[in-house]
């Protein structure tokens, strides 16, 4: 999504937020880390496959990070790293 180095941060943000589900996932992850099952309970109209695709997309954008704690996979916001 951010192949161009000169892409504006606002445009990048709007590209992420125009998706139907990603803003909702980001909203819930702002409270605390969730398992995929916990997110699915909060967003029951989203299928398991679609939820996993959205999480993967957010991971690729480095907005969400996977944290594994004692064999429980939880997703949370990843800290922003300025380069």
C-alpha atoms as a PDB file:
ATOM      1  CA  UNK A   1       0.000   0.000   0.000  1.00  0.00           C
ATOM      2  CA  UNK A   2       2.858   2.411   0.728  1.00  0.00           C
ATOM      3  CA  UNK A   3       5.148   1.661  -2.186  1.00  0.00           C
ATOM      4  CA  UNK A   4       5.680   5.348  -2.889  1.00  0.00           C
ATOM      5  CA  UNK A   5       8.021   7.120  -0.486  1.00  0.00           C
ATOM      6  CA  UNK A   6       6.421  10.505  -1.210  1.00  0.00           C
ATOM      7  CA  UNK A   7       2.882   9.389  -0.319  1.00  0.00           C
ATOM      8  CA  UNK A   8       1.208  11.718   2.158  1.00  0.00           C
ATOM      9  CA  UNK A   9       0.510  10.340   5.645  1.00  0.00           C
ATOM     10  CA  UNK A  10      -3.070  11.599   5.537  1.00  0.00           C
ATOM     11  CA  UNK A  11      -3.732   9.811   2.241  1.00  0.00           C
ATOM     12  CA  UNK A  12      -2.214   6.627   3.653  1.00  0.00           C
ATOM     13  CA  UNK A  13      -4.432   6.862   6.743  1.00  0.00           C
ATOM     14  CA  UNK A  14      -7.548   7.448   4.659  1.00  0.00           C
ATOM     15  CA  UNK A  15      -6.674   4.445   2.481  1.00  0.00           C
ATOM     16  CA  UNK A  16      -6.601   2.261   5.609  1.00  0.00           C
ATOM     17  CA  UNK A  17      -9.741   3.764   7.140  1.00  0.00           C
ATOM     18  CA  UNK A  18     -11.864   3.491   4.005  1.00  0.00           C
ATOM     19  CA  UNK A  19     -12.062  -0.252   4.536  1.00  0.00           C
ATOM     20  CA  UNK A  20     -15.271  -1.424   6.202  1.00  0.00           C
ATOM     21  CA  UNK A  21     -13.802  -3.613   8.934  1.00  0.00           C
ATOM     22  CA  UNK A  22     -10.303  -2.336   9.669  1.00  0.00           C
ATOM     23  CA  UNK A  23     -11.414   0.779  11.604  1.00  0.00           C
ATOM     24  CA  UNK A  24     -13.677  -1.392  13.766  1.00  0.00           C
ATOM     25  CA  UNK A  25     -10.870  -3.834  14.496  1.00  0.00           C
ATOM     26  CA  UNK A  26      -8.511  -0.951  15.324  1.00  0.00           C
ATOM     27  CA  UNK A  27     -11.178   0.528  17.611  1.00  0.00           C
ATOM     28  CA  UNK A  28     -11.506  -2.652  19.677  1.00  0.00           C
ATOM     29  CA  UNK A  29      -7.760  -3.265  19.818  1.00  0.00           C
ATOM     30  CA  UNK A  30      -7.378   0.214  21.268  1.00  0.00           C
ATOM     31  CA  UNK A  31      -8.866  -1.048  24.532  1.00  0.00           C
ATOM     32  CA  UNK A  32      -6.717  -4.139  25.076  1.00  0.00           C
ATOM     33  CA  UNK A  33      -5.208  -7.102  23.202  1.00  0.00           C
ATOM     34  CA  UNK A  34      -7.732  -9.643  21.919  1.00  0.00           C
ATOM     35  CA  UNK A  35      -7.591 -13.179  20.646  1.00  0.00           C
ATOM     36  CA  UNK A  36      -9.062 -13.835  17.220  1.00  0.00           C
ATOM     37  CA  UNK A  37     -12.016 -15.469  18.993  1.00  0.00           C
ATOM     38  CA  UNK A  38     -12.510 -12.388  21.171  1.00  0.00           C
ATOM     39  CA  UNK A  39     -12.558 -10.134  18.123  1.00  0.00           C
ATOM     40  CA  UNK A  40     -14.995 -12.479  16.412  1.00  0.00           C
ATOM     41  CA  UNK A  41     -17.367 -12.176  19.385  1.00  0.00           C
ATOM     42  CA  UNK A  42     -17.220  -8.384  19.089  1.00  0.00           C
ATOM     43  CA  UNK A  43     -17.724  -8.496  15.301  1.00  0.00           C
ATOM     44  CA  UNK A  44     -20.063 -11.489  14.784  1.00  0.00           C
ATOM     45  CA  UNK A  45     -21.168 -10.388  11.310  1.00  0.00           C
ATOM     46  CA  UNK A  46     -17.584 -10.771  10.067  1.00  0.00           C
ATOM     47  CA  UNK A  47     -16.706 -14.313   8.973  1.00  0.00           C
ATOM     48  CA  UNK A  48     -13.659 -16.094  10.389  1.00  0.00           C
ATOM     49  CA  UNK A  49     -11.907 -16.048   7.015  1.00  0.00           C
ATOM     50  CA  UNK A  50     -12.583 -12.346   6.459  1.00  0.00           C
ATOM     51  CA  UNK A  51     -11.441 -11.489  10.009  1.00  0.00           C
ATOM     52  CA  UNK A  52      -8.166 -13.347   9.516  1.00  0.00           C
ATOM     53  CA  UNK A  53      -7.641 -11.561   6.178  1.00  0.00           C
ATOM     54  CA  UNK A  54      -8.270  -8.161   7.786  1.00  0.00           C
ATOM     55  CA  UNK A  55      -5.895  -8.953  10.668  1.00  0.00           C
ATOM     56  CA  UNK A  56      -3.231 -10.084   8.189  1.00  0.00           C
ATOM     57  CA  UNK A  57      -3.688  -6.878   6.212  1.00  0.00           C
ATOM     58  CA  UNK A  58      -3.301  -4.785   9.375  1.00  0.00           C
ATOM     59  CA  UNK A  59      -0.202  -6.789  10.312  1.00  0.00           C
ATOM     60  CA  UNK A  60       1.315  -6.148   6.883  1.00  0.00           C
ATOM     61  CA  UNK A  61       0.663  -2.435   7.374  1.00  0.00           C
ATOM     62  CA  UNK A  62       2.354  -2.722  10.804  1.00  0.00           C
ATOM     63  CA  UNK A  63      -0.707  -1.351  12.560  1.00  0.00           C
ATOM     64  CA  UNK A  64      -1.407  -4.553  14.469  1.00  0.00           C
ATOM     65  CA  UNK A  65       1.113  -6.945  15.998  1.00  0.00           C
ATOM     66  CA  UNK A  66       0.679 -10.551  17.039  1.00  0.00           C
ATOM     67  CA  UNK A  67       1.819 -11.324  20.547  1.00  0.00           C
ATOM     68  CA  UNK A  68       1.929 -14.899  21.755  1.00  0.00           C
ATOM     69  CA  UNK A  69       1.581 -15.375  25.498  1.00  0.00           C
ATOM     70  CA  UNK A  70       1.666 -18.944  26.831  1.00  0.00           C
ATOM     71  CA  UNK A  71       0.214 -20.435  23.663  1.00  0.00           C
ATOM     72  CA  UNK A  72      -2.518 -17.799  23.418  1.00  0.00           C
ATOM     73  CA  UNK A  73      -2.313 -15.610  20.337  1.00  0.00           C
ATOM     74  CA  UNK A  74      -3.426 -12.040  20.941  1.00  0.00           C
ATOM     75  CA  UNK A  75      -3.452  -9.098  18.594  1.00  0.00           C
ATOM     76  CA  UNK A  76      -2.603  -5.591  19.704  1.00  0.00           C
ATOM     77  CA  UNK A  77      -1.528  -2.254  18.315  1.00  0.00           C
ATOM     78  CA  UNK A  78       2.113  -2.150  17.350  1.00  0.00           C
ATOM     79  CA  UNK A  79       4.134   0.900  18.334  1.00  0.00           C
ATOM     80  CA  UNK A  80       4.855   3.306  15.520  1.00  0.00           C
ATOM     81  CA  UNK A  81       8.512   3.292  14.517  1.00  0.00           C
ATOM     82  CA  UNK A  82       9.774   6.385  12.781  1.00  0.00           C
ATOM     83  CA  UNK A  83      12.566   5.696  10.345  1.00  0.00           C
END
